[in-house]
Protein backbone atom coordinates (compact mmCIF):
# COMPACT_ATOMS: atom_id res chain seq x y z
CA UNK A 1 -24.32 -32.03 -30.21
CA UNK A 2 -23.62 -34.69 -32.10
CA UNK A 3 -24.05 -34.61 -35.97
CA UNK A 4 -27.28 -37.08 -35.98
CA UNK A 5 -28.67 -35.60 -32.79
CA UNK A 6 -28.08 -31.99 -34.57
CA UNK A 7 -29.10 -33.13 -37.91
CA UNK A 8 -32.93 -34.83 -36.21
CA UNK A 9 -33.75 -31.43 -34.49
CA UNK A 10 -32.76 -29.57 -37.26
CA UNK A 11 -35.67 -31.39 -39.39
CA UNK A 12 -38.21 -31.98 -36.21
CA UNK A 13 -38.07 -27.36 -36.04
CA UNK A 14 -38.38 -27.15 -39.54
CA UNK A 15 -41.28 -29.35 -39.66
CA UNK A 16 -43.44 -27.63 -35.95
CA UNK A 17 -42.76 -24.11 -38.62
CA UNK A 18 -44.03 -25.44 -41.09
CA UNK A 19 -46.82 -27.04 -39.22
CA UNK A 20 -47.96 -23.75 -37.41
CA UNK A 21 -47.55 -21.71 -40.38
CA UNK A 22 -50.28 -24.41 -41.69
CA UNK A 23 -52.27 -24.33 -38.62
CA UNK A 24 -52.37 -20.98 -39.50
CA UNK A 25 -53.10 -20.70 -42.42
CA UNK A 26 -56.94 -23.37 -41.63
CA UNK A 27 -57.50 -21.58 -38.75
CA UNK A 28 -57.46 -18.15 -41.18
CA UNK A 29 -59.21 -20.10 -44.23
CA UNK A 30 -61.54 -21.02 -41.39
CA UNK A 31 -62.60 -17.45 -40.37
CA UNK A 32 -63.32 -16.33 -43.40
CA UNK A 33 -65.03 -19.46 -44.48
CA UNK A 34 -63.04 -20.44 -47.64
CA UNK A 35 -62.89 -23.53 -49.22
CA UNK A 36 -60.01 -23.98 -47.92
CA UNK A 37 -60.64 -23.65 -44.75
CA UNK A 38 -61.80 -28.04 -44.31
CA UNK A 39 -58.83 -29.30 -46.73
CA UNK A 40 -56.48 -27.15 -44.63
CA UNK A 41 -57.17 -28.63 -40.93
CA UNK A 42 -56.98 -32.19 -42.52
CA UNK A 43 -53.76 -31.14 -43.70
CA UNK A 44 -52.96 -29.53 -39.86
CA UNK A 45 -53.69 -33.02 -38.02
CA UNK A 46 -51.91 -34.57 -40.25
CA UNK A 47 -48.43 -32.26 -39.86
CA UNK A 48 -49.08 -32.15 -36.17
CA UNK A 49 -48.44 -35.58 -36.21
CA UNK A 50 -45.62 -35.31 -38.15
CA UNK A 51 -44.40 -32.66 -36.13
CA UNK A 52 -44.76 -35.29 -32.67
CA UNK A 53 -43.19 -38.06 -34.59
CA UNK A 54 -40.05 -35.72 -35.18
CA UNK A 55 -39.82 -34.71 -31.89
CA UNK A 56 -39.80 -37.70 -30.49
CA UNK A 57 -37.00 -38.82 -33.35
CA UNK A 58 -34.70 -35.90 -31.89
CA UNK A 59 -35.27 -38.17 -28.25
CA UNK A 60 -35.04 -41.08 -29.86
CA UNK A 61 -31.79 -40.61 -31.40
CA UNK A 62 -29.80 -38.47 -29.24
CA UNK A 63 -31.08 -41.49 -26.53
CA UNK A 64 -29.23 -43.86 -29.15
CA UNK A 65 -26.40 -41.56 -29.55
CA UNK A 66 -25.18 -41.44 -25.77
CA UNK A 67 -26.31 -44.98 -25.65
CA UNK A 68 -23.68 -46.22 -28.54
CA UNK A 69 -20.80 -43.50 -27.62
CA UNK A 70 -21.40 -43.09 -23.97
CA UNK A 71 -22.16 -39.45 -22.52
CA UNK A 72 -19.50 -36.84 -22.49
CA UNK A 73 -20.43 -33.91 -20.49
CA UNK A 74 -16.50 -32.91 -20.00
CA UNK A 75 -13.02 -33.47 -19.97
CA UNK A 76 -12.25 -36.26 -18.14
CA UNK A 77 -15.05 -38.75 -18.98
CA UNK A 78 -15.02 -42.33 -19.39
CA UNK A 79 -15.92 -41.89 -22.37
CA UNK A 80 -13.03 -40.05 -23.38
CA UNK A 81 -10.70 -42.53 -21.32
CA UNK A 82 -12.62 -45.32 -22.83
CA UNK A 83 -11.70 -44.88 -25.99
CA UNK A 84 -7.67 -43.68 -25.01
CA UNK A 85 -7.31 -47.02 -23.73
CA UNK A 86 -9.14 -48.96 -26.94
CA UNK A 87 -6.75 -46.91 -28.85
CA UNK A 88 -3.41 -47.85 -26.89
CA UNK A 89 -4.74 -51.42 -26.52
CA UNK A 90 -4.25 -51.32 -30.07
CA UNK A 91 -1.30 -49.46 -31.27
CA UNK A 92 -0.26 -52.71 -28.56
CA UNK A 93 -1.96 -54.93 -30.87
CA UNK A 94 -0.36 -53.65 -33.75
CA UNK A 95 3.18 -52.80 -32.06
CA UNK A 96 3.17 -57.30 -31.13
CA UNK A 97 2.02 -58.08 -34.86
CA UNK A 98 5.14 -56.52 -35.88
CA UNK A 99 7.60 -57.98 -33.20
CA UNK A 100 5.92 -61.41 -34.05
CA UNK A 101 6.76 -61.02 -37.98
CA UNK A 102 10.11 -59.90 -36.35
CA UNK A 103 10.79 -56.74 -38.83
CA UNK A 104 11.62 -58.73 -41.21
CA UNK A 105 12.14 -57.75 -45.23
CA UNK A 106 9.88 -61.29 -47.46
CA UNK A 107 12.47 -63.26 -48.82
CA UNK A 108 15.58 -62.37 -46.16
CA UNK A 109 16.35 -64.81 -43.36
CA UNK A 110 17.41 -63.32 -40.58
CA UNK A 111 20.83 -61.86 -40.04
CA UNK A 112 22.54 -64.90 -37.94
CA UNK A 113 21.33 -67.33 -39.99
CA UNK A 114 24.79 -68.89 -41.80
CA UNK A 115 24.41 -69.65 -45.61
CA UNK A 116 24.21 -73.03 -46.58
CA UNK A 117 26.20 -74.63 -48.96
């Protein structure tokens, strides 16, 4: 699991667990008739909305990651092959750039040049 998706999943699990604890406190305080029941029920509803948003964030983050990086499910996946091809192209471009410069040190003439007197 990629780091961005893992972070979103951990965040969602923490928010969901806090929401469940909050809902349990709201339920128990309602049973006891405590003054805390009404504020806890309201905050539990708000937390449920936030928890739903967090779960949707995991799903969206996963979809975005897959779209940007490709699905890497096995060693011969197309994403790895595309990365290899991109690296090869970059190496070839750098080699061509070096060849174009002629591998010369700045300020020196080619070895075949004669001095001009």
